[in-house]
Amino acid sequence: MNSIDLEQFIARPPAVVWRALTEPDLLARWWATGDVKPLVGHRFTLDMGAWGEQPCEVLEVQHERLLRYTFAEGTLDTTLTWRLEPEGEGTRLFLTHAGFDTTTPYGRAGLDGMGNGWPSVLGRLAETAAAA
C-alpha cells in the first residue's frame, strides 16, 4: 500500500469545507500557510515548518466537489485528493494521499508519519470549518 485514505464527517455544508481547503487564511488555521488557489495549473508552496516549504501544483478542480494537487514535488512526489460529498446538513470529506515510494526509506517514513498525522489534521480542519 502506498497511499493514505481517510474520511471525516464535517457538520458544515460543502461550500464551507471548500473554503477551508481553498482559502489561504483558513488553510493556515488548520494545516499550513500557502497560496493555494482552486485553479488547474496553479503552483504554490505549503510551509510545513521543520519539513520546509513544499512545492505543489493544482491538477484537478471540481468546484466544491474535488481538489487534487501534487505535494512535495522533488522529495515525496505525492498527490493529495480532497473529495467532498454532501451528507445531510454536512459534508463527508475524503482524503487520499497517494504516490509514496515505499521502496525508499524516505518514502516509507513519509507514509508512516503522515498516516499517523493526518487524522489529527483532519480534526483541525473540521474545527476550522465549524468556526467559519
N, C-alpha and C. Protein backbone atom coordinates (compact mmCIF):
# COMPACT_ATOMS: atom_id res chain seq x y z
N MET A 1 0.84 -1.18 0.00
CA MET A 1 0.00 0.00 0.00
C MET A 1 0.89 1.24 0.00
N ASN A 2 0.61 2.16 -0.90
CA ASN A 2 1.41 3.38 -0.96
C ASN A 2 0.54 4.63 -0.87
N SER A 3 -0.60 4.50 -0.19
CA SER A 3 -1.47 5.67 -0.03
C SER A 3 -2.13 5.66 1.34
N ILE A 4 -2.62 6.84 1.70
CA ILE A 4 -3.38 7.03 2.93
C ILE A 4 -4.78 7.41 2.49
N ASP A 5 -5.78 6.72 2.98
CA ASP A 5 -7.18 7.01 2.64
C ASP A 5 -7.95 7.21 3.93
N LEU A 6 -8.49 8.41 4.08
CA LEU A 6 -9.24 8.75 5.30
C LEU A 6 -10.53 9.47 4.93
N GLU A 7 -11.46 9.48 5.86
CA GLU A 7 -12.67 10.27 5.68
C GLU A 7 -13.03 10.90 7.00
N GLN A 8 -13.75 12.03 6.89
CA GLN A 8 -14.13 12.80 8.07
C GLN A 8 -15.49 13.42 7.79
N PHE A 9 -16.44 13.24 8.70
CA PHE A 9 -17.70 13.97 8.57
C PHE A 9 -17.51 15.34 9.19
N ILE A 10 -17.96 16.37 8.49
CA ILE A 10 -17.88 17.74 8.98
C ILE A 10 -19.30 18.31 8.94
N ALA A 11 -19.75 18.79 10.07
CA ALA A 11 -21.14 19.25 10.20
C ALA A 11 -21.33 20.66 9.64
N ARG A 12 -20.85 20.86 8.45
CA ARG A 12 -20.98 22.11 7.72
C ARG A 12 -21.18 21.76 6.25
N PRO A 13 -21.88 22.61 5.48
CA PRO A 13 -22.12 22.30 4.07
C PRO A 13 -20.82 22.32 3.24
N PRO A 14 -20.84 21.66 2.07
CA PRO A 14 -19.65 21.61 1.23
C PRO A 14 -19.03 22.97 0.92
N ALA A 15 -19.83 24.00 0.75
CA ALA A 15 -19.28 25.33 0.43
C ALA A 15 -18.33 25.81 1.53
N VAL A 16 -18.66 25.53 2.78
CA VAL A 16 -17.82 25.96 3.90
C VAL A 16 -16.54 25.13 3.95
N VAL A 17 -16.67 23.82 3.77
CA VAL A 17 -15.49 22.94 3.78
C VAL A 17 -14.57 23.31 2.61
N TRP A 18 -15.15 23.60 1.46
CA TRP A 18 -14.38 24.02 0.29
C TRP A 18 -13.54 25.26 0.61
N ARG A 19 -14.15 26.21 1.27
CA ARG A 19 -13.41 27.42 1.65
C ARG A 19 -12.22 27.07 2.54
N ALA A 20 -12.41 26.15 3.48
CA ALA A 20 -11.31 25.75 4.37
C ALA A 20 -10.16 25.11 3.61
N LEU A 21 -10.48 24.47 2.49
CA LEU A 21 -9.45 23.83 1.66
C LEU A 21 -8.77 24.79 0.69
N THR A 22 -9.48 25.84 0.29
CA THR A 22 -9.01 26.65 -0.84
C THR A 22 -8.73 28.11 -0.52
N GLU A 23 -8.99 28.56 0.69
CA GLU A 23 -8.69 29.94 1.06
C GLU A 23 -7.46 29.93 1.97
N PRO A 24 -6.38 30.61 1.54
CA PRO A 24 -5.12 30.56 2.30
C PRO A 24 -5.26 30.89 3.79
N ASP A 25 -6.07 31.88 4.15
CA ASP A 25 -6.20 32.24 5.57
C ASP A 25 -6.79 31.09 6.38
N LEU A 26 -7.78 30.41 5.81
CA LEU A 26 -8.39 29.28 6.52
C LEU A 26 -7.46 28.07 6.52
N LEU A 27 -6.81 27.78 5.40
CA LEU A 27 -5.87 26.66 5.31
C LEU A 27 -4.78 26.78 6.38
N ALA A 28 -4.30 28.01 6.58
CA ALA A 28 -3.24 28.23 7.57
C ALA A 28 -3.72 27.93 9.00
N ARG A 29 -5.01 28.05 9.25
CA ARG A 29 -5.53 27.79 10.60
C ARG A 29 -5.48 26.32 10.97
N TRP A 30 -5.67 25.43 9.98
CA TRP A 30 -5.75 24.01 10.32
C TRP A 30 -4.57 23.18 9.84
N TRP A 31 -3.76 23.73 8.87
CA TRP A 31 -2.67 22.89 8.37
C TRP A 31 -1.40 23.66 8.11
N ALA A 32 -1.35 24.46 7.05
CA ALA A 32 -0.09 25.10 6.64
C ALA A 32 -0.38 26.39 5.89
N THR A 33 0.56 27.31 5.97
CA THR A 33 0.42 28.53 5.17
C THR A 33 0.85 28.24 3.74
N GLY A 34 0.15 28.88 2.82
CA GLY A 34 0.48 28.71 1.41
C GLY A 34 -0.57 29.38 0.54
N ASP A 35 -0.19 29.77 -0.63
CA ASP A 35 -1.06 30.50 -1.55
C ASP A 35 -1.87 29.55 -2.43
N VAL A 36 -2.62 28.66 -1.81
CA VAL A 36 -3.45 27.72 -2.57
C VAL A 36 -4.55 28.49 -3.29
N LYS A 37 -4.87 28.05 -4.51
CA LYS A 37 -5.99 28.59 -5.28
C LYS A 37 -6.58 27.43 -6.07
N PRO A 38 -7.90 27.34 -6.17
CA PRO A 38 -8.51 26.24 -6.91
C PRO A 38 -8.51 26.50 -8.42
N LEU A 39 -7.31 26.58 -8.99
CA LEU A 39 -7.14 26.81 -10.42
C LEU A 39 -6.15 25.78 -10.97
N VAL A 40 -6.58 24.98 -11.94
CA VAL A 40 -5.69 23.97 -12.51
C VAL A 40 -4.44 24.65 -13.05
N GLY A 41 -3.29 24.09 -12.70
CA GLY A 41 -2.00 24.63 -13.13
C GLY A 41 -1.38 25.61 -12.15
N HIS A 42 -2.15 26.05 -11.14
CA HIS A 42 -1.61 26.99 -10.15
C HIS A 42 -0.52 26.29 -9.34
N ARG A 43 0.65 26.93 -9.27
CA ARG A 43 1.77 26.42 -8.49
C ARG A 43 1.87 27.23 -7.20
N PHE A 44 2.09 26.54 -6.09
CA PHE A 44 2.19 27.20 -4.80
C PHE A 44 3.07 26.36 -3.88
N THR A 45 3.42 26.93 -2.75
CA THR A 45 4.17 26.17 -1.74
C THR A 45 3.36 26.15 -0.45
N LEU A 46 3.56 25.10 0.30
CA LEU A 46 2.99 24.98 1.64
C LEU A 46 4.15 24.97 2.62
N ASP A 47 4.08 25.83 3.62
CA ASP A 47 5.13 25.92 4.63
C ASP A 47 4.87 24.86 5.70
N MET A 48 5.67 23.82 5.69
CA MET A 48 5.48 22.70 6.59
C MET A 48 6.41 22.77 7.81
N GLY A 49 6.79 24.00 8.18
CA GLY A 49 7.60 24.18 9.37
C GLY A 49 8.95 23.49 9.26
N ALA A 50 9.23 22.57 10.18
CA ALA A 50 10.52 21.89 10.22
C ALA A 50 10.82 21.10 8.95
N TRP A 51 9.78 20.75 8.18
CA TRP A 51 9.98 20.00 6.94
C TRP A 51 10.15 20.91 5.73
N GLY A 52 10.09 22.21 5.96
CA GLY A 52 10.36 23.18 4.90
C GLY A 52 9.17 23.48 4.01
N GLU A 53 9.44 24.31 3.01
CA GLU A 53 8.42 24.69 2.04
C GLU A 53 8.29 23.59 1.00
N GLN A 54 7.06 23.14 0.78
CA GLN A 54 6.81 22.03 -0.13
C GLN A 54 6.10 22.53 -1.39
N PRO A 55 6.72 22.35 -2.56
CA PRO A 55 6.10 22.80 -3.80
C PRO A 55 4.91 21.92 -4.19
N CYS A 56 3.87 22.59 -4.72
CA CYS A 56 2.63 21.92 -5.09
C CYS A 56 2.13 22.49 -6.41
N GLU A 57 1.31 21.71 -7.11
CA GLU A 57 0.65 22.20 -8.32
C GLU A 57 -0.75 21.61 -8.39
N VAL A 58 -1.74 22.47 -8.63
CA VAL A 58 -3.13 22.02 -8.73
C VAL A 58 -3.32 21.25 -10.03
N LEU A 59 -3.85 20.03 -9.91
CA LEU A 59 -4.04 19.13 -11.06
C LEU A 59 -5.49 19.06 -11.52
N GLU A 60 -6.43 19.15 -10.58
CA GLU A 60 -7.85 18.98 -10.92
C GLU A 60 -8.71 19.74 -9.93
N VAL A 61 -9.76 20.39 -10.46
CA VAL A 61 -10.69 21.14 -9.63
C VAL A 61 -12.11 20.86 -10.12
N GLN A 62 -12.98 20.49 -9.21
CA GLN A 62 -14.42 20.46 -9.44
C GLN A 62 -15.01 21.24 -8.28
N HIS A 63 -15.45 22.45 -8.56
CA HIS A 63 -15.86 23.40 -7.52
C HIS A 63 -16.75 22.74 -6.46
N GLU A 64 -16.30 22.86 -5.21
CA GLU A 64 -17.00 22.32 -4.03
C GLU A 64 -17.19 20.81 -4.06
N ARG A 65 -16.44 20.12 -4.92
CA ARG A 65 -16.54 18.65 -5.01
C ARG A 65 -15.18 17.96 -4.92
N LEU A 66 -14.14 18.53 -5.60
CA LEU A 66 -12.86 17.83 -5.68
C LEU A 66 -11.73 18.81 -5.89
N LEU A 67 -10.64 18.59 -5.16
CA LEU A 67 -9.40 19.36 -5.33
C LEU A 67 -8.26 18.37 -5.27
N ARG A 68 -7.44 18.35 -6.33
CA ARG A 68 -6.29 17.43 -6.38
C ARG A 68 -5.05 18.25 -6.72
N TYR A 69 -3.98 18.03 -5.92
CA TYR A 69 -2.73 18.70 -6.24
C TYR A 69 -1.53 17.84 -5.84
N THR A 70 -0.41 18.12 -6.53
CA THR A 70 0.83 17.45 -6.16
C THR A 70 1.28 18.01 -4.83
N PHE A 71 2.06 17.23 -4.11
CA PHE A 71 2.58 17.66 -2.81
C PHE A 71 4.03 17.22 -2.68
N ALA A 72 4.89 18.16 -2.30
CA ALA A 72 6.31 17.88 -2.04
C ALA A 72 7.01 17.39 -3.30
N GLU A 73 6.81 18.15 -4.39
CA GLU A 73 7.48 17.80 -5.64
C GLU A 73 9.00 17.80 -5.42
N GLY A 74 9.65 16.77 -5.94
CA GLY A 74 11.10 16.68 -5.82
C GLY A 74 11.58 15.93 -4.60
N THR A 75 10.69 15.67 -3.65
CA THR A 75 11.08 14.89 -2.47
C THR A 75 10.13 13.70 -2.32
N LEU A 76 8.93 13.94 -1.80
CA LEU A 76 7.96 12.84 -1.67
C LEU A 76 7.27 12.55 -3.00
N ASP A 77 7.03 13.60 -3.80
CA ASP A 77 6.33 13.44 -5.09
C ASP A 77 5.02 12.67 -4.93
N THR A 78 4.17 13.18 -4.05
CA THR A 78 2.88 12.55 -3.80
C THR A 78 1.75 13.45 -4.31
N THR A 79 0.54 12.95 -4.20
CA THR A 79 -0.65 13.68 -4.64
C THR A 79 -1.70 13.65 -3.53
N LEU A 80 -2.29 14.83 -3.28
CA LEU A 80 -3.40 14.93 -2.33
C LEU A 80 -4.69 15.11 -3.12
N THR A 81 -5.68 14.32 -2.78
CA THR A 81 -7.00 14.44 -3.39
C THR A 81 -8.01 14.63 -2.28
N TRP A 82 -8.72 15.76 -2.34
CA TRP A 82 -9.79 16.08 -1.39
C TRP A 82 -11.10 15.96 -2.13
N ARG A 83 -11.99 15.08 -1.68
CA ARG A 83 -13.29 14.90 -2.32
C ARG A 83 -14.38 15.18 -1.29
N LEU A 84 -15.35 16.00 -1.67
CA LEU A 84 -16.42 16.42 -0.78
C LEU A 84 -17.75 15.86 -1.28
N GLU A 85 -18.50 15.25 -0.38
CA GLU A 85 -19.84 14.76 -0.72
C GLU A 85 -20.83 15.30 0.29
N PRO A 86 -21.91 15.93 -0.18
CA PRO A 86 -22.94 16.38 0.76
C PRO A 86 -23.51 15.19 1.52
N GLU A 87 -23.74 15.38 2.82
CA GLU A 87 -24.34 14.33 3.64
C GLU A 87 -25.24 15.01 4.67
N GLY A 88 -26.53 14.93 4.44
CA GLY A 88 -27.47 15.62 5.32
C GLY A 88 -27.18 17.10 5.31
N GLU A 89 -27.00 17.68 6.50
CA GLU A 89 -26.69 19.11 6.62
C GLU A 89 -25.19 19.37 6.56
N GLY A 90 -24.40 18.30 6.41
CA GLY A 90 -22.95 18.44 6.45
C GLY A 90 -22.25 17.93 5.20
N THR A 91 -21.00 17.55 5.40
CA THR A 91 -20.15 17.10 4.30
C THR A 91 -19.34 15.90 4.74
N ARG A 92 -19.26 14.91 3.89
CA ARG A 92 -18.34 13.80 4.09
C ARG A 92 -17.10 14.14 3.25
N LEU A 93 -15.98 14.32 3.93
CA LEU A 93 -14.72 14.67 3.27
C LEU A 93 -13.85 13.43 3.17
N PHE A 94 -13.37 13.16 1.97
CA PHE A 94 -12.48 12.03 1.72
C PHE A 94 -11.11 12.58 1.34
N LEU A 95 -10.07 12.06 1.96
CA LEU A 95 -8.70 12.43 1.64
C LEU A 95 -7.96 11.19 1.15
N THR A 96 -7.32 11.32 0.00
CA THR A 96 -6.39 10.30 -0.47
C THR A 96 -5.04 10.97 -0.66
N HIS A 97 -4.05 10.51 0.06
CA HIS A 97 -2.68 10.98 -0.09
C HIS A 97 -1.92 9.81 -0.71
N ALA A 98 -1.64 9.92 -2.00
CA ALA A 98 -1.14 8.78 -2.77
C ALA A 98 0.23 9.04 -3.38
N GLY A 99 0.89 7.94 -3.75
CA GLY A 99 2.11 8.01 -4.53
C GLY A 99 3.39 7.88 -3.73
N PHE A 100 3.31 7.45 -2.48
CA PHE A 100 4.51 7.26 -1.68
C PHE A 100 5.36 6.15 -2.29
N ASP A 101 6.65 6.38 -2.45
CA ASP A 101 7.56 5.35 -2.93
C ASP A 101 8.06 4.58 -1.72
N THR A 102 7.37 3.50 -1.40
CA THR A 102 7.68 2.74 -0.18
C THR A 102 8.92 1.86 -0.34
N THR A 103 9.57 1.91 -1.50
CA THR A 103 10.82 1.17 -1.67
C THR A 103 12.00 1.97 -1.15
N THR A 104 11.77 3.23 -0.77
CA THR A 104 12.84 4.06 -0.22
C THR A 104 12.56 4.34 1.26
N PRO A 105 13.60 4.51 2.06
CA PRO A 105 13.38 4.84 3.48
C PRO A 105 12.60 6.16 3.63
N TYR A 106 12.88 7.14 2.80
CA TYR A 106 12.20 8.44 2.90
C TYR A 106 10.71 8.29 2.59
N GLY A 107 10.40 7.53 1.56
CA GLY A 107 9.00 7.30 1.20
C GLY A 107 8.25 6.53 2.27
N ARG A 108 8.89 5.51 2.83
CA ARG A 108 8.27 4.71 3.90
C ARG A 108 8.05 5.57 5.13
N ALA A 109 9.05 6.40 5.50
CA ALA A 109 8.91 7.28 6.66
C ALA A 109 7.80 8.31 6.43
N GLY A 110 7.70 8.82 5.21
CA GLY A 110 6.65 9.77 4.89
C GLY A 110 5.27 9.15 5.03
N LEU A 111 5.11 7.95 4.50
CA LEU A 111 3.83 7.25 4.58
C LEU A 111 3.46 6.98 6.04
N ASP A 112 4.41 6.48 6.82
CA ASP A 112 4.14 6.19 8.22
C ASP A 112 3.83 7.46 9.00
N GLY A 113 4.66 8.47 8.84
CA GLY A 113 4.48 9.71 9.60
C GLY A 113 3.19 10.42 9.25
N MET A 114 2.91 10.54 7.96
CA MET A 114 1.69 11.23 7.55
C MET A 114 0.46 10.38 7.84
N GLY A 115 0.60 9.07 7.77
CA GLY A 115 -0.51 8.21 8.13
C GLY A 115 -0.92 8.42 9.58
N ASN A 116 0.06 8.65 10.45
CA ASN A 116 -0.23 8.92 11.86
C ASN A 116 -0.70 10.35 12.08
N GLY A 117 -0.26 11.29 11.24
CA GLY A 117 -0.56 12.69 11.45
C GLY A 117 -1.87 13.18 10.85
N TRP A 118 -2.26 12.61 9.70
CA TRP A 118 -3.45 13.13 9.02
C TRP A 118 -4.73 13.10 9.87
N PRO A 119 -5.00 12.08 10.68
CA PRO A 119 -6.25 12.11 11.45
C PRO A 119 -6.40 13.36 12.32
N SER A 120 -5.32 13.79 12.98
CA SER A 120 -5.44 15.00 13.81
C SER A 120 -5.56 16.25 12.94
N VAL A 121 -4.90 16.25 11.79
CA VAL A 121 -5.03 17.39 10.87
C VAL A 121 -6.47 17.51 10.39
N LEU A 122 -7.10 16.39 10.05
CA LEU A 122 -8.50 16.43 9.63
C LEU A 122 -9.41 16.91 10.76
N GLY A 123 -9.08 16.56 11.98
CA GLY A 123 -9.84 17.07 13.12
C GLY A 123 -9.75 18.59 13.22
N ARG A 124 -8.55 19.13 12.98
CA ARG A 124 -8.39 20.60 12.99
C ARG A 124 -9.14 21.24 11.83
N LEU A 125 -9.17 20.57 10.69
CA LEU A 125 -9.94 21.09 9.55
C LEU A 125 -11.42 21.18 9.93
N ALA A 126 -11.95 20.14 10.56
CA ALA A 126 -13.35 20.13 10.98
C ALA A 126 -13.63 21.26 11.96
N GLU A 127 -12.71 21.50 12.90
CA GLU A 127 -12.87 22.59 13.87
C GLU A 127 -12.86 23.95 13.16
N THR A 128 -11.96 24.12 12.19
CA THR A 128 -11.87 25.37 11.45
C THR A 128 -13.14 25.61 10.65
N ALA A 129 -13.63 24.57 9.98
CA ALA A 129 -14.87 24.71 9.20
C ALA A 129 -16.04 25.04 10.11
N ALA A 130 -16.10 24.42 11.27
CA ALA A 130 -17.21 24.68 12.20
C ALA A 130 -17.22 26.13 12.66
N ALA A 131 -16.02 26.73 12.78
CA ALA A 131 -15.93 28.13 13.24
C ALA A 131 -16.09 29.13 12.11
N ALA A 132 -16.00 28.66 10.85
CA ALA A 132 -16.06 29.59 9.71
C ALA A 132 -17.47 30.09 9.47
